Amino acid sequence: MGAEAERAAGGREEWADVTPDAARRLVSAAVEAFAERGYHATTTRDIAGRAGMSPAALYIHYKTKEELLYRISGIGHEQALRIMGAAAAAEGTATERLGDAVRAFASWHAEHHTTARVIQYELQALGPEHYAEITGLRRRTDRALRQIIQDGADTGEFRADDVPGTTLAVLSLCVDVARWFSADGPRTPDEVGALYAGLVLRMVGAETV
């Protein structure tokens, strides 16, 4: 499978819950356009053209460009919350759960780096109501990770005197993967996840085998 076909297959999987097919194509096209040109420099004509549709056809599915960004942001942040929430609720020590959480979160930002760049760096373009909803999802993700780190601090597994600050540092580290990761680079998403998990566990002073 060539690179373009791989990207297309990945896009179909990532937006599988978006229906009908025309709406899914528009979401995928919007992600590419926003990542390449930025939200404000992208027009609805740009998005429709990438999707192989007319600008008029776009408005059948999404009333505004901002609504498209909101749809993309919602799906991306819900995926991020599921990853972090599953790790927080899992059995095992805080060390095991933090390693799993960072591994999954960092690798997701690598595997879906185009989408992640859009949802992380175009957040301010959302309207007030949509912004409030998405930042609510972000706070829930923060709380899930913070609970893992707090558990580790409480049991003595971690040296984390400032749990909120440590949480922010870990999230920032993982989110930044989307900025620099390239599918043509030397590391796979799984390798990035493993690297970052090890870095974070050493950062909090966890004992690992």
N, C-alpha and C. Protein backbone atom coordinates (compact mmCIF):
# COMPACT_ATOMS: atom_id res chain seq x y z
N MET A 1 0.85 -1.20 0.00
CA MET A 1 0.00 0.00 0.00
C MET A 1 0.88 1.25 0.00
N GLY A 2 0.62 2.19 -0.92
CA GLY A 2 1.40 3.42 -0.99
C GLY A 2 1.05 4.38 0.12
N ALA A 3 1.85 5.47 0.22
CA ALA A 3 1.66 6.43 1.31
C ALA A 3 0.29 7.09 1.24
N GLU A 4 -0.14 7.47 0.03
CA GLU A 4 -1.45 8.13 -0.09
C GLU A 4 -2.58 7.19 0.29
N ALA A 5 -2.46 5.93 -0.12
CA ALA A 5 -3.49 4.96 0.22
C ALA A 5 -3.53 4.70 1.72
N GLU A 6 -2.33 4.67 2.36
CA GLU A 6 -2.27 4.47 3.80
C GLU A 6 -2.95 5.62 4.53
N ARG A 7 -2.67 6.85 4.07
CA ARG A 7 -3.29 8.01 4.71
C ARG A 7 -4.80 7.97 4.54
N ALA A 8 -5.25 7.58 3.36
CA ALA A 8 -6.69 7.51 3.11
C ALA A 8 -7.34 6.46 4.00
N ALA A 9 -6.68 5.29 4.13
CA ALA A 9 -7.23 4.22 4.97
C ALA A 9 -7.27 4.67 6.42
N GLY A 10 -6.20 5.32 6.87
CA GLY A 10 -6.17 5.82 8.24
C GLY A 10 -7.25 6.84 8.48
N GLY A 11 -7.50 7.70 7.50
CA GLY A 11 -8.54 8.71 7.63
C GLY A 11 -9.91 8.10 7.74
N ARG A 12 -10.16 7.05 6.94
CA ARG A 12 -11.46 6.38 7.00
C ARG A 12 -11.69 5.77 8.38
N GLU A 13 -10.62 5.17 8.93
CA GLU A 13 -10.75 4.54 10.24
C GLU A 13 -10.96 5.59 11.32
N GLU A 14 -10.21 6.67 11.25
CA GLU A 14 -10.28 7.70 12.28
C GLU A 14 -11.65 8.36 12.34
N TRP A 15 -12.28 8.54 11.17
CA TRP A 15 -13.57 9.23 11.11
C TRP A 15 -14.70 8.27 10.82
N ALA A 16 -14.55 7.02 11.22
CA ALA A 16 -15.53 5.98 10.89
C ALA A 16 -16.93 6.30 11.40
N ASP A 17 -17.00 7.03 12.50
CA ASP A 17 -18.32 7.33 13.08
C ASP A 17 -19.01 8.51 12.40
N VAL A 18 -18.32 9.18 11.49
CA VAL A 18 -18.91 10.33 10.79
C VAL A 18 -19.66 9.81 9.57
N THR A 19 -20.94 10.07 9.51
CA THR A 19 -21.76 9.64 8.38
C THR A 19 -22.61 10.82 7.90
N PRO A 20 -23.03 10.80 6.64
CA PRO A 20 -22.74 9.83 5.58
C PRO A 20 -21.32 10.02 5.03
N ASP A 21 -21.03 9.31 3.96
CA ASP A 21 -19.68 9.33 3.38
C ASP A 21 -19.26 10.75 2.99
N ALA A 22 -20.17 11.54 2.47
CA ALA A 22 -19.83 12.90 2.05
C ALA A 22 -19.36 13.74 3.25
N ALA A 23 -20.04 13.58 4.40
CA ALA A 23 -19.64 14.31 5.60
C ALA A 23 -18.27 13.86 6.07
N ARG A 24 -17.99 12.55 5.95
CA ARG A 24 -16.69 12.01 6.35
C ARG A 24 -15.60 12.58 5.45
N ARG A 25 -15.86 12.65 4.16
CA ARG A 25 -14.87 13.20 3.23
C ARG A 25 -14.57 14.66 3.55
N LEU A 26 -15.59 15.40 3.92
CA LEU A 26 -15.40 16.81 4.26
C LEU A 26 -14.57 16.98 5.53
N VAL A 27 -14.81 16.14 6.52
CA VAL A 27 -14.03 16.20 7.76
C VAL A 27 -12.57 15.90 7.46
N SER A 28 -12.33 14.85 6.70
CA SER A 28 -10.96 14.47 6.37
C SER A 28 -10.27 15.58 5.57
N ALA A 29 -10.98 16.17 4.63
CA ALA A 29 -10.41 17.26 3.83
C ALA A 29 -10.14 18.49 4.69
N ALA A 30 -11.03 18.78 5.63
CA ALA A 30 -10.84 19.94 6.50
C ALA A 30 -9.62 19.77 7.38
N VAL A 31 -9.41 18.56 7.90
CA VAL A 31 -8.22 18.30 8.72
C VAL A 31 -6.96 18.59 7.93
N GLU A 32 -6.90 18.08 6.72
CA GLU A 32 -5.71 18.31 5.88
C GLU A 32 -5.51 19.79 5.61
N ALA A 33 -6.58 20.49 5.29
CA ALA A 33 -6.48 21.91 4.96
C ALA A 33 -6.09 22.74 6.19
N PHE A 34 -6.71 22.48 7.32
CA PHE A 34 -6.39 23.23 8.54
C PHE A 34 -4.96 22.99 8.97
N ALA A 35 -4.50 21.74 8.84
CA ALA A 35 -3.13 21.42 9.25
C ALA A 35 -2.11 22.07 8.33
N GLU A 36 -2.44 22.14 7.05
CA GLU A 36 -1.51 22.68 6.06
C GLU A 36 -1.51 24.21 6.03
N ARG A 37 -2.69 24.82 6.10
CA ARG A 37 -2.80 26.27 5.89
C ARG A 37 -3.19 27.04 7.14
N GLY A 38 -3.68 26.32 8.16
CA GLY A 38 -4.21 27.00 9.33
C GLY A 38 -5.70 27.25 9.15
N TYR A 39 -6.43 27.30 10.26
CA TYR A 39 -7.88 27.45 10.19
C TYR A 39 -8.28 28.75 9.49
N HIS A 40 -7.69 29.86 9.87
CA HIS A 40 -8.13 31.15 9.36
C HIS A 40 -7.78 31.35 7.88
N ALA A 41 -6.73 30.72 7.42
CA ALA A 41 -6.34 30.86 6.01
C ALA A 41 -7.07 29.89 5.09
N THR A 42 -7.79 28.97 5.68
CA THR A 42 -8.53 27.97 4.89
C THR A 42 -9.94 28.47 4.60
N THR A 43 -10.38 28.30 3.38
CA THR A 43 -11.75 28.68 3.00
C THR A 43 -12.61 27.43 2.83
N THR A 44 -13.91 27.62 2.85
CA THR A 44 -14.80 26.49 2.62
C THR A 44 -14.61 25.95 1.20
N ARG A 45 -14.23 26.83 0.28
CA ARG A 45 -13.95 26.37 -1.09
C ARG A 45 -12.75 25.44 -1.11
N ASP A 46 -11.72 25.76 -0.31
CA ASP A 46 -10.55 24.88 -0.21
C ASP A 46 -10.96 23.49 0.26
N ILE A 47 -11.78 23.46 1.30
CA ILE A 47 -12.19 22.18 1.89
C ILE A 47 -13.02 21.38 0.90
N ALA A 48 -14.01 22.03 0.29
CA ALA A 48 -14.87 21.34 -0.67
C ALA A 48 -14.07 20.80 -1.84
N GLY A 49 -13.11 21.59 -2.32
CA GLY A 49 -12.28 21.16 -3.44
C GLY A 49 -11.48 19.91 -3.10
N ARG A 50 -10.90 19.87 -1.90
CA ARG A 50 -10.13 18.71 -1.48
C ARG A 50 -11.01 17.47 -1.36
N ALA A 51 -12.27 17.69 -1.01
CA ALA A 51 -13.21 16.56 -0.87
C ALA A 51 -13.84 16.17 -2.20
N GLY A 52 -13.53 16.91 -3.26
CA GLY A 52 -14.11 16.63 -4.56
C GLY A 52 -15.57 17.00 -4.65
N MET A 53 -15.93 18.08 -3.93
CA MET A 53 -17.32 18.51 -3.89
C MET A 53 -17.41 20.00 -4.18
N SER A 54 -18.61 20.47 -4.43
CA SER A 54 -18.83 21.89 -4.64
C SER A 54 -18.98 22.59 -3.29
N PRO A 55 -18.68 23.89 -3.18
CA PRO A 55 -18.89 24.62 -1.93
C PRO A 55 -20.34 24.52 -1.44
N ALA A 56 -21.27 24.52 -2.37
CA ALA A 56 -22.68 24.42 -1.98
C ALA A 56 -22.98 23.09 -1.30
N ALA A 57 -22.31 22.03 -1.76
CA ALA A 57 -22.55 20.71 -1.18
C ALA A 57 -22.05 20.64 0.26
N LEU A 58 -21.01 21.41 0.58
CA LEU A 58 -20.47 21.42 1.93
C LEU A 58 -21.53 21.85 2.93
N TYR A 59 -22.31 22.89 2.57
CA TYR A 59 -23.27 23.47 3.51
C TYR A 59 -24.46 22.55 3.79
N ILE A 60 -24.60 21.50 3.01
CA ILE A 60 -25.64 20.51 3.30
C ILE A 60 -25.31 19.78 4.61
N HIS A 61 -24.02 19.61 4.85
CA HIS A 61 -23.57 18.82 5.99
C HIS A 61 -23.06 19.68 7.15
N TYR A 62 -22.44 20.80 6.83
CA TYR A 62 -21.88 21.67 7.88
C TYR A 62 -22.21 23.12 7.53
N LYS A 63 -22.87 23.80 8.46
CA LYS A 63 -23.34 25.16 8.19
C LYS A 63 -22.20 26.16 8.07
N THR A 64 -21.11 25.91 8.82
CA THR A 64 -19.99 26.85 8.82
C THR A 64 -18.68 26.09 8.88
N LYS A 65 -17.61 26.79 8.59
CA LYS A 65 -16.27 26.23 8.73
C LYS A 65 -15.99 25.90 10.20
N GLU A 66 -16.49 26.74 11.10
CA GLU A 66 -16.28 26.53 12.53
C GLU A 66 -16.97 25.25 13.00
N GLU A 67 -18.10 24.91 12.40
CA GLU A 67 -18.80 23.69 12.77
C GLU A 67 -17.97 22.46 12.40
N LEU A 68 -17.26 22.55 11.29
CA LEU A 68 -16.36 21.47 10.90
C LEU A 68 -15.23 21.33 11.91
N LEU A 69 -14.64 22.44 12.32
CA LEU A 69 -13.57 22.39 13.30
C LEU A 69 -14.07 21.81 14.62
N TYR A 70 -15.27 22.19 15.00
CA TYR A 70 -15.87 21.66 16.23
C TYR A 70 -16.06 20.15 16.15
N ARG A 71 -16.52 19.66 15.01
CA ARG A 71 -16.72 18.21 14.82
C ARG A 71 -15.39 17.49 14.93
N ILE A 72 -14.38 18.02 14.29
CA ILE A 72 -13.05 17.42 14.33
C ILE A 72 -12.50 17.44 15.76
N SER A 73 -12.63 18.57 16.42
CA SER A 73 -12.11 18.71 17.78
C SER A 73 -12.82 17.79 18.75
N GLY A 74 -14.13 17.67 18.60
CA GLY A 74 -14.89 16.81 19.49
C GLY A 74 -14.46 15.35 19.38
N ILE A 75 -14.35 14.87 18.16
CA ILE A 75 -13.95 13.47 17.95
C ILE A 75 -12.54 13.24 18.48
N GLY A 76 -11.62 14.14 18.16
CA GLY A 76 -10.24 13.98 18.60
C GLY A 76 -10.10 14.01 20.11
N HIS A 77 -10.76 14.95 20.75
CA HIS A 77 -10.65 15.05 22.21
C HIS A 77 -11.36 13.90 22.93
N GLU A 78 -12.43 13.39 22.34
CA GLU A 78 -13.09 12.23 22.94
C GLU A 78 -12.19 11.00 22.86
N GLN A 79 -11.47 10.86 21.74
CA GLN A 79 -10.52 9.75 21.62
C GLN A 79 -9.41 9.88 22.67
N ALA A 80 -8.90 11.10 22.85
CA ALA A 80 -7.85 11.33 23.84
C ALA A 80 -8.35 11.02 25.25
N LEU A 81 -9.57 11.42 25.55
CA LEU A 81 -10.14 11.16 26.87
C LEU A 81 -10.32 9.67 27.11
N ARG A 82 -10.76 8.93 26.09
CA ARG A 82 -10.92 7.48 26.24
C ARG A 82 -9.59 6.82 26.56
N ILE A 83 -8.53 7.25 25.89
CA ILE A 83 -7.20 6.69 26.14
C ILE A 83 -6.78 6.92 27.58
N MET A 84 -6.89 8.16 28.03
CA MET A 84 -6.44 8.50 29.38
C MET A 84 -7.37 7.90 30.43
N GLY A 85 -8.66 7.92 30.18
CA GLY A 85 -9.60 7.36 31.13
C GLY A 85 -9.42 5.87 31.32
N ALA A 86 -9.15 5.15 30.24
CA ALA A 86 -8.94 3.70 30.34
C ALA A 86 -7.71 3.39 31.17
N ALA A 87 -6.64 4.18 30.99
CA ALA A 87 -5.43 3.95 31.78
C ALA A 87 -5.67 4.26 33.24
N ALA A 88 -6.41 5.33 33.53
CA ALA A 88 -6.67 5.71 34.92
C ALA A 88 -7.52 4.67 35.64
N ALA A 89 -8.43 4.03 34.91
CA ALA A 89 -9.35 3.07 35.52
C ALA A 89 -8.80 1.65 35.54
N ALA A 90 -7.66 1.43 34.91
CA ALA A 90 -7.11 0.08 34.79
C ALA A 90 -6.59 -0.43 36.13
N GLU A 91 -6.43 -1.75 36.21
CA GLU A 91 -5.82 -2.35 37.38
C GLU A 91 -4.31 -2.16 37.28
N GLY A 92 -3.63 -2.31 38.38
CA GLY A 92 -2.17 -2.21 38.37
C GLY A 92 -1.67 -1.06 39.20
N THR A 93 -0.36 -0.98 39.31
CA THR A 93 0.26 0.08 40.10
C THR A 93 0.17 1.41 39.35
N ALA A 94 0.41 2.48 40.08
CA ALA A 94 0.43 3.80 39.44
C ALA A 94 1.51 3.86 38.38
N THR A 95 2.63 3.20 38.63
CA THR A 95 3.72 3.17 37.65
C THR A 95 3.28 2.50 36.37
N GLU A 96 2.60 1.37 36.49
CA GLU A 96 2.12 0.66 35.31
C GLU A 96 1.08 1.50 34.56
N ARG A 97 0.19 2.10 35.31
CA ARG A 97 -0.88 2.89 34.67
C ARG A 97 -0.34 4.15 34.01
N LEU A 98 0.63 4.81 34.67
CA LEU A 98 1.21 6.01 34.04
C LEU A 98 1.98 5.64 32.79
N GLY A 99 2.72 4.55 32.84
CA GLY A 99 3.45 4.11 31.64
C GLY A 99 2.51 3.80 30.49
N ASP A 100 1.41 3.10 30.80
CA ASP A 100 0.43 2.76 29.76
C ASP A 100 -0.24 4.01 29.20
N ALA A 101 -0.58 4.95 30.11
CA ALA A 101 -1.26 6.18 29.67
C ALA A 101 -0.38 7.00 28.74
N VAL A 102 0.87 7.20 29.12
CA VAL A 102 1.77 8.01 28.30
C VAL A 102 2.09 7.30 27.00
N ARG A 103 2.30 6.00 27.07
CA ARG A 103 2.59 5.24 25.84
C ARG A 103 1.46 5.40 24.83
N ALA A 104 0.23 5.24 25.31
CA ALA A 104 -0.93 5.32 24.41
C ALA A 104 -1.17 6.75 23.93
N PHE A 105 -1.03 7.72 24.84
CA PHE A 105 -1.32 9.11 24.50
C PHE A 105 -0.29 9.67 23.52
N ALA A 106 0.99 9.38 23.76
CA ALA A 106 2.03 9.88 22.86
C ALA A 106 1.95 9.20 21.49
N SER A 107 1.71 7.89 21.50
CA SER A 107 1.65 7.19 20.21
C SER A 107 0.43 7.64 19.41
N TRP A 108 -0.69 7.96 20.10
CA TRP A 108 -1.85 8.47 19.38
C TRP A 108 -1.52 9.80 18.71
N HIS A 109 -0.83 10.68 19.41
CA HIS A 109 -0.46 11.97 18.83
C HIS A 109 0.52 11.83 17.66
N ALA A 110 1.27 10.73 17.66
CA ALA A 110 2.15 10.47 16.52
C ALA A 110 1.37 9.87 15.35
N GLU A 111 0.59 8.84 15.63
CA GLU A 111 -0.16 8.15 14.57
C GLU A 111 -1.17 9.09 13.90
N HIS A 112 -1.78 9.97 14.69
CA HIS A 112 -2.78 10.89 14.17
C HIS A 112 -2.26 12.34 14.25
N HIS A 113 -1.00 12.52 13.86
CA HIS A 113 -0.34 13.82 14.07
C HIS A 113 -1.02 14.96 13.32
N THR A 114 -1.59 14.69 12.16
CA THR A 114 -2.26 15.76 11.42
C THR A 114 -3.51 16.23 12.17
N THR A 115 -4.34 15.28 12.56
CA THR A 115 -5.53 15.62 13.33
C THR A 115 -5.15 16.28 14.66
N ALA A 116 -4.15 15.71 15.33
CA ALA A 116 -3.74 16.23 16.64
C ALA A 116 -3.26 17.67 16.54
N ARG A 117 -2.55 18.02 15.46
CA ARG A 117 -2.10 19.40 15.30
C ARG A 117 -3.30 20.34 15.21
N VAL A 118 -4.32 19.91 14.50
CA VAL A 118 -5.50 20.76 14.33
C VAL A 118 -6.23 20.93 15.66
N ILE A 119 -6.49 19.82 16.35
CA ILE A 119 -7.30 19.93 17.57
C ILE A 119 -6.55 20.61 18.71
N GLN A 120 -5.21 20.53 18.69
CA GLN A 120 -4.45 21.14 19.77
C GLN A 120 -4.13 22.61 19.49
N TYR A 121 -3.88 22.96 18.24
CA TYR A 121 -3.38 24.30 17.95
C TYR A 121 -4.39 25.24 17.29
N GLU A 122 -5.59 24.75 16.99
CA GLU A 122 -6.63 25.61 16.42
C GLU A 122 -7.80 25.79 17.39
N LEU A 123 -7.58 25.42 18.63
CA LEU A 123 -8.65 25.45 19.63
C LEU A 123 -9.28 26.83 19.78
N GLN A 124 -8.46 27.87 19.72
CA GLN A 124 -8.96 29.23 19.95
C GLN A 124 -9.91 29.70 18.85
N ALA A 125 -9.94 29.01 17.72
CA ALA A 125 -10.82 29.41 16.62
C ALA A 125 -12.27 28.98 16.85
N LEU A 126 -12.51 28.13 17.84
CA LEU A 126 -13.87 27.69 18.12
C LEU A 126 -14.71 28.83 18.71
N GLY A 127 -16.01 28.80 18.45
CA GLY A 127 -16.92 29.76 19.06
C GLY A 127 -17.03 29.49 20.56
N PRO A 128 -17.54 30.44 21.33
CA PRO A 128 -17.57 30.32 22.80
C PRO A 128 -18.22 29.04 23.32
N GLU A 129 -19.38 28.67 22.80
CA GLU A 129 -20.06 27.47 23.30
C GLU A 129 -19.28 26.21 22.97
N HIS A 130 -18.79 26.12 21.75
CA HIS A 130 -18.02 24.95 21.35
C HIS A 130 -16.69 24.91 22.10
N TYR A 131 -16.09 26.07 22.30
CA TYR A 131 -14.82 26.14 23.03
C TYR A 131 -15.02 25.62 24.46
N ALA A 132 -16.09 26.03 25.09
CA ALA A 132 -16.37 25.59 26.46
C ALA A 132 -16.55 24.08 26.52
N GLU A 133 -17.23 23.52 25.54
CA GLU A 133 -17.46 22.07 25.54
C GLU A 133 -16.15 21.31 25.36
N ILE A 134 -15.32 21.77 24.43
CA ILE A 134 -14.06 21.06 24.16
C ILE A 134 -13.09 21.22 25.32
N THR A 135 -13.01 22.39 25.91
CA THR A 135 -12.12 22.56 27.05
C THR A 135 -12.59 21.72 28.24
N GLY A 136 -13.89 21.45 28.30
CA GLY A 136 -14.40 20.54 29.33
C GLY A 136 -13.84 19.13 29.15
N LEU A 137 -13.77 18.66 27.90
CA LEU A 137 -13.17 17.36 27.62
C LEU A 137 -11.69 17.36 27.99
N ARG A 138 -11.01 18.47 27.71
CA ARG A 138 -9.59 18.57 28.05
C ARG A 138 -9.38 18.51 29.57
N ARG A 139 -10.26 19.15 30.32
CA ARG A 139 -10.12 19.12 31.78
C ARG A 139 -10.34 17.71 32.32
N ARG A 140 -11.24 16.97 31.71
CA ARG A 140 -11.48 15.59 32.15
C ARG A 140 -10.26 14.72 31.84
N THR A 141 -9.62 14.95 30.73
CA THR A 141 -8.39 14.22 30.40
C THR A 141 -7.30 14.56 31.41
N ASP A 142 -7.19 15.85 31.72
CA ASP A 142 -6.23 16.31 32.72
C ASP A 142 -6.48 15.63 34.07
N ARG A 143 -7.74 15.57 34.48
CA ARG A 143 -8.06 14.97 35.77
C ARG A 143 -7.71 13.49 35.82
N ALA A 144 -7.93 12.79 34.70
CA ALA A 144 -7.62 11.35 34.67
C ALA A 144 -6.12 11.12 34.85
N LEU A 145 -5.31 11.91 34.15
CA LEU A 145 -3.87 11.77 34.29
C LEU A 145 -3.41 12.22 35.68
N ARG A 146 -3.99 13.30 36.16
CA ARG A 146 -3.61 13.82 37.47
C ARG A 146 -3.88 12.79 38.56
N GLN A 147 -4.99 12.05 38.42
CA GLN A 147 -5.31 11.03 39.42
C GLN A 147 -4.25 9.94 39.46
N ILE A 148 -3.76 9.53 38.29
CA ILE A 148 -2.71 8.51 38.25
C ILE A 148 -1.46 9.02 38.97
N ILE A 149 -1.07 10.24 38.67
CA ILE A 149 0.14 10.81 39.27
C ILE A 149 -0.05 11.01 40.78
N GLN A 150 -1.25 11.44 41.16
CA GLN A 150 -1.53 11.60 42.60
C GLN A 150 -1.47 10.26 43.31
N ASP A 151 -2.01 9.22 42.68
CA ASP A 151 -1.95 7.88 43.28
C ASP A 151 -0.50 7.47 43.52
N GLY A 152 0.34 7.73 42.52
CA GLY A 152 1.74 7.37 42.64
C GLY A 152 2.46 8.16 43.72
N ALA A 153 2.10 9.43 43.83
CA ALA A 153 2.69 10.27 44.88
C ALA A 153 2.24 9.79 46.26
N ASP A 154 0.96 9.40 46.38
CA ASP A 154 0.42 8.96 47.66
C ASP A 154 1.05 7.65 48.13
N THR A 155 1.34 6.76 47.18
CA THR A 155 1.93 5.46 47.55
C THR A 155 3.44 5.51 47.66
N GLY A 156 4.04 6.64 47.28
CA GLY A 156 5.49 6.75 47.31
C GLY A 156 6.19 6.23 46.07
N GLU A 157 5.40 5.83 45.06
CA GLU A 157 6.01 5.37 43.81
C GLU A 157 6.65 6.52 43.04
N PHE A 158 6.06 7.72 43.16
CA PHE A 158 6.54 8.87 42.41
C PHE A 158 7.06 9.94 43.36
N ARG A 159 8.05 10.67 42.88
CA ARG A 159 8.46 11.90 43.55
C ARG A 159 7.84 13.05 42.78
N ALA A 160 6.68 13.49 43.23
CA ALA A 160 5.93 14.53 42.52
C ALA A 160 5.34 15.47 43.56
N ASP A 161 6.14 16.44 44.00
CA ASP A 161 5.66 17.39 45.01
C ASP A 161 4.57 18.30 44.45
N ASP A 162 4.64 18.58 43.15
CA ASP A 162 3.66 19.45 42.50
C ASP A 162 2.90 18.60 41.47
N VAL A 163 1.83 17.96 41.91
CA VAL A 163 1.10 17.05 41.02
C VAL A 163 0.46 17.78 39.84
N PRO A 164 -0.21 18.93 40.06
CA PRO A 164 -0.78 19.65 38.91
C PRO A 164 0.30 20.07 37.90
N GLY A 165 1.44 20.56 38.39
CA GLY A 165 2.51 20.97 37.49
C GLY A 165 3.10 19.79 36.74
N THR A 166 3.24 18.66 37.42
CA THR A 166 3.76 17.46 36.76
C THR A 166 2.79 16.98 35.69
N THR A 167 1.50 17.03 36.01
CA THR A 167 0.48 16.65 35.03
C THR A 167 0.56 17.51 33.78
N LEU A 168 0.69 18.81 33.97
CA LEU A 168 0.80 19.73 32.84
C LEU A 168 2.03 19.42 32.00
N ALA A 169 3.15 19.12 32.67
CA ALA A 169 4.39 18.82 31.95
C ALA A 169 4.25 17.55 31.11
N VAL A 170 3.61 16.53 31.67
CA VAL A 170 3.44 15.27 30.95
C VAL A 170 2.52 15.45 29.75
N LEU A 171 1.40 16.15 29.95
CA LEU A 171 0.48 16.39 28.84
C LEU A 171 1.16 17.20 27.74
N SER A 172 1.90 18.22 28.13
CA SER A 172 2.58 19.07 27.15
C SER A 172 3.59 18.27 26.34
N LEU A 173 4.30 17.38 27.01
CA LEU A 173 5.30 16.55 26.34
C LEU A 173 4.63 15.68 25.28
N CYS A 174 3.51 15.05 25.64
CA CYS A 174 2.83 14.16 24.70
C CYS A 174 2.19 14.93 23.55
N VAL A 175 1.55 16.04 23.86
CA VAL A 175 0.87 16.83 22.84
C VAL A 175 1.87 17.36 21.80
N ASP A 176 3.06 17.69 22.23
CA ASP A 176 4.06 18.26 21.32
C ASP A 176 4.52 17.27 20.26
N VAL A 177 4.26 15.99 20.48
CA VAL A 177 4.60 14.98 19.47
C VAL A 177 3.97 15.34 18.12
N ALA A 178 2.73 15.84 18.18
CA ALA A 178 2.02 16.17 16.94
C ALA A 178 2.72 17.25 16.14
N ARG A 179 3.48 18.10 16.82
CA ARG A 179 4.15 19.21 16.13
C ARG A 179 5.32 18.72 15.29
N TRP A 180 6.08 17.76 15.80
CA TRP A 180 7.32 17.38 15.11
C TRP A 180 7.26 16.03 14.41
N PHE A 181 6.28 15.18 14.74
CA PHE A 181 6.30 13.82 14.20
C PHE A 181 6.07 13.82 12.69
N SER A 182 6.82 12.95 12.02
CA SER A 182 6.65 12.74 10.58
C SER A 182 6.57 11.25 10.31
N ALA A 183 5.63 10.88 9.47
CA ALA A 183 5.49 9.46 9.10
C ALA A 183 6.73 8.96 8.38
N ASP A 184 7.51 9.87 7.80
CA ASP A 184 8.73 9.49 7.09
C ASP A 184 9.95 9.54 7.99
N GLY A 185 9.76 9.84 9.28
CA GLY A 185 10.86 9.95 10.22
C GLY A 185 11.39 8.61 10.67
N PRO A 186 12.38 8.62 11.58
CA PRO A 186 13.05 7.38 11.98
C PRO A 186 12.29 6.54 12.99
N ARG A 187 11.26 7.10 13.63
CA ARG A 187 10.54 6.36 14.67
C ARG A 187 9.09 6.11 14.27
N THR A 188 8.59 4.96 14.67
CA THR A 188 7.17 4.66 14.49
C THR A 188 6.39 5.25 15.66
N PRO A 189 5.06 5.37 15.54
CA PRO A 189 4.26 5.84 16.67
C PRO A 189 4.46 4.99 17.92
N ASP A 190 4.54 3.68 17.76
CA ASP A 190 4.75 2.80 18.92
C ASP A 190 6.09 3.07 19.58
N GLU A 191 7.11 3.32 18.78
CA GLU A 191 8.44 3.61 19.33
C GLU A 191 8.44 4.94 20.07
N VAL A 192 7.71 5.92 19.53
CA VAL A 192 7.59 7.21 20.23
C VAL A 192 6.89 7.01 21.57
N GLY A 193 5.81 6.22 21.57
CA GLY A 193 5.09 5.96 22.81
C GLY A 193 5.96 5.31 23.86
N ALA A 194 6.75 4.32 23.44
CA ALA A 194 7.63 3.63 24.39
C ALA A 194 8.71 4.57 24.92
N LEU A 195 9.27 5.39 24.05
CA LEU A 195 10.29 6.35 24.46
C LEU A 195 9.74 7.32 25.49
N TYR A 196 8.56 7.88 25.20
CA TYR A 196 7.99 8.88 26.09
C TYR A 196 7.55 8.27 27.42
N ALA A 197 7.06 7.04 27.39
CA ALA A 197 6.68 6.38 28.64
C ALA A 197 7.89 6.25 29.55
N GLY A 198 9.01 5.84 28.98
CA GLY A 198 10.23 5.72 29.76
C GLY A 198 10.71 7.05 30.30
N LEU A 199 10.64 8.08 29.45
CA LEU A 199 11.08 9.41 29.88
C LEU A 199 10.23 9.93 31.05
N VAL A 200 8.91 9.76 30.95
CA VAL A 200 8.02 10.28 31.99
C VAL A 200 8.22 9.51 33.29
N LEU A 201 8.37 8.19 33.22
CA LEU A 201 8.56 7.42 34.44
C LEU A 201 9.86 7.81 35.14
N ARG A 202 10.89 8.07 34.37
CA ARG A 202 12.14 8.55 34.99
C ARG A 202 11.95 9.95 35.56
N MET A 203 11.16 10.76 34.90
CA MET A 203 10.91 12.12 35.35
C MET A 203 10.26 12.14 36.73
N VAL A 204 9.34 11.20 36.98
CA VAL A 204 8.67 11.17 38.28
C VAL A 204 9.38 10.29 39.30
N GLY A 205 10.52 9.74 38.88
CA GLY A 205 11.31 8.96 39.82
C GLY A 205 10.76 7.57 40.09
N ALA A 206 10.01 7.03 39.14
CA ALA A 206 9.45 5.68 39.33
C ALA A 206 10.52 4.62 39.15
N GLU A 207 10.42 3.56 39.89
CA GLU A 207 11.33 2.44 39.76
C GLU A 207 10.75 1.50 38.70
N THR A 208 11.52 1.27 37.65
CA THR A 208 11.07 0.38 36.58
C THR A 208 12.07 -0.75 36.41
N VAL A 209 11.56 -1.86 35.90
CA VAL A 209 12.42 -3.03 35.67
C VAL A 209 13.13 -2.88 34.34
